[in-house]
């Protein structure tokens, strides 16, 4: 059954695991200074996905386990401007972040 317009499916997809084969000498260079190569690869995918508009701000946030503000900061640190989105997309993104944020008791 497809959700009606204006409703969002909250079905959780399983995480995909990807294996990269990187030559040892290159892996050593990438991990120099204690850098986590897996995290760097995930961040690179998220950045490229956002740049080419395959991923939304919310999806990048979910991938990287960041809040909305942290995600915006992350993009800024990598000189990736926030995408120009129309009002409907902005409302959809806001609703996704709102639904995902923990509720504070009143």
C-alpha atoms as a PDB file:
ATOM      1  CA  UNK A   1       0.000   0.000   0.000  1.00  0.00           C
ATOM      2  CA  UNK A   2       1.440   3.370  -1.021  1.00  0.00           C
ATOM      3  CA  UNK A   3       1.313   6.259   1.481  1.00  0.00           C
ATOM      4  CA  UNK A   4      -1.070   9.077   0.575  1.00  0.00           C
ATOM      5  CA  UNK A   5       0.366  12.371  -0.621  1.00  0.00           C
ATOM      6  CA  UNK A   6       1.732  14.285   2.356  1.00  0.00           C
ATOM      7  CA  UNK A   7       2.356  11.137   4.423  1.00  0.00           C
ATOM      8  CA  UNK A   8       5.818   9.720   4.908  1.00  0.00           C
ATOM      9  CA  UNK A   9       6.734   6.089   5.240  1.00  0.00           C
ATOM     10  CA  UNK A  10       8.900   5.410   8.290  1.00  0.00           C
ATOM     11  CA  UNK A  11       9.835   1.888   7.172  1.00  0.00           C
ATOM     12  CA  UNK A  12      13.448   1.190   8.085  1.00  0.00           C
ATOM     13  CA  UNK A  13      15.517  -0.330   5.328  1.00  0.00           C
ATOM     14  CA  UNK A  14      18.331  -2.629   6.265  1.00  0.00           C
ATOM     15  CA  UNK A  15      21.793  -1.142   6.180  1.00  0.00           C
ATOM     16  CA  UNK A  16      23.975  -2.066   3.240  1.00  0.00           C
ATOM     17  CA  UNK A  17      27.503  -3.198   3.895  1.00  0.00           C
ATOM     18  CA  UNK A  18      30.076  -2.349   1.232  1.00  0.00           C
ATOM     19  CA  UNK A  19      33.573  -3.793   1.030  1.00  0.00           C
ATOM     20  CA  UNK A  20      36.354  -1.797  -0.613  1.00  0.00           C
ATOM     21  CA  UNK A  21      39.597  -3.368  -1.701  1.00  0.00           C
ATOM     22  CA  UNK A  22      42.334  -0.768  -1.279  1.00  0.00           C
ATOM     23  CA  UNK A  23      46.019  -1.580  -1.771  1.00  0.00           C
ATOM     24  CA  UNK A  24      47.885  -1.658   1.554  1.00  0.00           C
ATOM     25  CA  UNK A  25      50.185   1.253   0.736  1.00  0.00           C
ATOM     26  CA  UNK A  26      47.217   3.471  -0.150  1.00  0.00           C
ATOM     27  CA  UNK A  27      45.267   2.359   2.936  1.00  0.00           C
ATOM     28  CA  UNK A  28      48.255   3.304   5.110  1.00  0.00           C
ATOM     29  CA  UNK A  29      48.370   6.762   3.551  1.00  0.00           C
ATOM     30  CA  UNK A  30      44.613   7.222   3.977  1.00  0.00           C
ATOM     31  CA  UNK A  31      44.767   6.180   7.626  1.00  0.00           C
ATOM     32  CA  UNK A  32      47.848   8.263   8.457  1.00  0.00           C
ATOM     33  CA  UNK A  33      47.328  10.292  11.597  1.00  0.00           C
ATOM     34  CA  UNK A  34      44.689   7.918  12.934  1.00  0.00           C
ATOM     35  CA  UNK A  35      42.069   8.666  10.290  1.00  0.00           C
ATOM     36  CA  UNK A  36      39.237   6.120  10.015  1.00  0.00           C
ATOM     37  CA  UNK A  37      39.230   5.044   6.360  1.00  0.00           C
ATOM     38  CA  UNK A  38      35.725   3.560   6.588  1.00  0.00           C
ATOM     39  CA  UNK A  39      34.318   6.819   7.968  1.00  0.00           C
ATOM     40  CA  UNK A  40      36.164   8.858   5.328  1.00  0.00           C
ATOM     41  CA  UNK A  41      34.680   6.655   2.586  1.00  0.00           C
ATOM     42  CA  UNK A  42      31.170   7.007   4.031  1.00  0.00           C
ATOM     43  CA  UNK A  43      31.576  10.784   4.264  1.00  0.00           C
ATOM     44  CA  UNK A  44      32.834  10.958   0.682  1.00  0.00           C
ATOM     45  CA  UNK A  45      29.781   9.040  -0.552  1.00  0.00           C
ATOM     46  CA  UNK A  46      27.480  11.314   1.446  1.00  0.00           C
ATOM     47  CA  UNK A  47      29.171  14.466   0.129  1.00  0.00           C
ATOM     48  CA  UNK A  48      29.030  13.326  -3.484  1.00  0.00           C
ATOM     49  CA  UNK A  49      25.437  12.172  -3.113  1.00  0.00           C
ATOM     50  CA  UNK A  50      24.435  15.567  -1.748  1.00  0.00           C
ATOM     51  CA  UNK A  51      26.453  17.453  -4.390  1.00  0.00           C
ATOM     52  CA  UNK A  52      24.731  15.639  -7.249  1.00  0.00           C
ATOM     53  CA  UNK A  53      21.352  15.851  -5.478  1.00  0.00           C
ATOM     54  CA  UNK A  54      20.993  12.076  -5.186  1.00  0.00           C
ATOM     55  CA  UNK A  55      20.765  12.478  -1.401  1.00  0.00           C
ATOM     56  CA  UNK A  56      18.826  15.016   0.636  1.00  0.00           C
ATOM     57  CA  UNK A  57      20.110  16.830   3.694  1.00  0.00           C
ATOM     58  CA  UNK A  58      18.063  14.466   5.858  1.00  0.00           C
ATOM     59  CA  UNK A  59      19.528  11.388   4.146  1.00  0.00           C
ATOM     60  CA  UNK A  60      23.081  12.675   4.648  1.00  0.00           C
ATOM     61  CA  UNK A  61      22.224  13.295   8.293  1.00  0.00           C
ATOM     62  CA  UNK A  62      20.914   9.727   8.657  1.00  0.00           C
ATOM     63  CA  UNK A  63      23.928   8.204   6.897  1.00  0.00           C
ATOM     64  CA  UNK A  64      26.419  10.001   9.084  1.00  0.00           C
ATOM     65  CA  UNK A  65      24.474   9.937  12.349  1.00  0.00           C
ATOM     66  CA  UNK A  66      24.485  13.722  12.636  1.00  0.00           C
ATOM     67  CA  UNK A  67      21.901  16.282  13.669  1.00  0.00           C
ATOM     68  CA  UNK A  68      20.634  18.768  11.107  1.00  0.00           C
ATOM     69  CA  UNK A  69      22.975  21.503  12.394  1.00  0.00           C
ATOM     70  CA  UNK A  70      25.945  19.109  12.447  1.00  0.00           C
ATOM     71  CA  UNK A  71      25.115  18.039   8.889  1.00  0.00           C
ATOM     72  CA  UNK A  72      24.990  21.642   7.687  1.00  0.00           C
ATOM     73  CA  UNK A  73      28.332  22.287   9.438  1.00  0.00           C
ATOM     74  CA  UNK A  74      29.819  19.137   7.865  1.00  0.00           C
ATOM     75  CA  UNK A  75      28.773  20.277   4.382  1.00  0.00           C
ATOM     76  CA  UNK A  76      30.157  23.761   5.032  1.00  0.00           C
ATOM     77  CA  UNK A  77      33.498  22.365   6.230  1.00  0.00           C
ATOM     78  CA  UNK A  78      33.744  20.544   2.900  1.00  0.00           C
ATOM     79  CA  UNK A  79      32.700  23.628   0.910  1.00  0.00           C
ATOM     80  CA  UNK A  80      29.453  22.036  -0.251  1.00  0.00           C
ATOM     81  CA  UNK A  81      26.699  24.669  -0.360  1.00  0.00           C
ATOM     82  CA  UNK A  82      23.237  23.818   0.872  1.00  0.00           C
ATOM     83  CA  UNK A  83      21.094  22.888  -2.110  1.00  0.00           C
ATOM     84  CA  UNK A  84      18.519  25.314  -3.371  1.00  0.00           C
ATOM     85  CA  UNK A  85      15.224  23.589  -2.672  1.00  0.00           C
ATOM     86  CA  UNK A  86      11.670  24.708  -3.205  1.00  0.00           C
ATOM     87  CA  UNK A  87       9.156  25.284  -0.416  1.00  0.00           C
ATOM     88  CA  UNK A  88       7.556  21.836  -0.743  1.00  0.00           C
ATOM     89  CA  UNK A  89      10.956  20.122  -0.427  1.00  0.00           C
ATOM     90  CA  UNK A  90      11.830  22.331   2.542  1.00  0.00           C
ATOM     91  CA  UNK A  91       8.565  21.393   4.275  1.00  0.00           C
ATOM     92  CA  UNK A  92       9.210  17.690   3.585  1.00  0.00           C
ATOM     93  CA  UNK A  93      12.758  17.887   4.974  1.00  0.00           C
ATOM     94  CA  UNK A  94      11.543  19.755   8.074  1.00  0.00           C
ATOM     95  CA  UNK A  95       8.869  17.107   8.681  1.00  0.00           C
ATOM     96  CA  UNK A  96      11.438  14.298   8.391  1.00  0.00           C
ATOM     97  CA  UNK A  97      13.794  15.961  10.872  1.00  0.00           C
ATOM     98  CA  UNK A  98      10.891  16.702  13.231  1.00  0.00           C
ATOM     99  CA  UNK A  99       9.685  13.102  13.099  1.00  0.00           C
ATOM    100  CA  UNK A 100      13.201  11.783  13.756  1.00  0.00           C
ATOM    101  CA  UNK A 101      14.045  14.118  16.642  1.00  0.00           C
ATOM    102  CA  UNK A 102      13.519  12.851  20.162  1.00  0.00           C
ATOM    103  CA  UNK A 103      10.432  14.230  21.875  1.00  0.00           C
ATOM    104  CA  UNK A 104      10.947  16.278  25.038  1.00  0.00           C
ATOM    105  CA  UNK A 105       8.462  15.543  27.824  1.00  0.00           C
ATOM    106  CA  UNK A 106       6.235  18.453  28.734  1.00  0.00           C
END
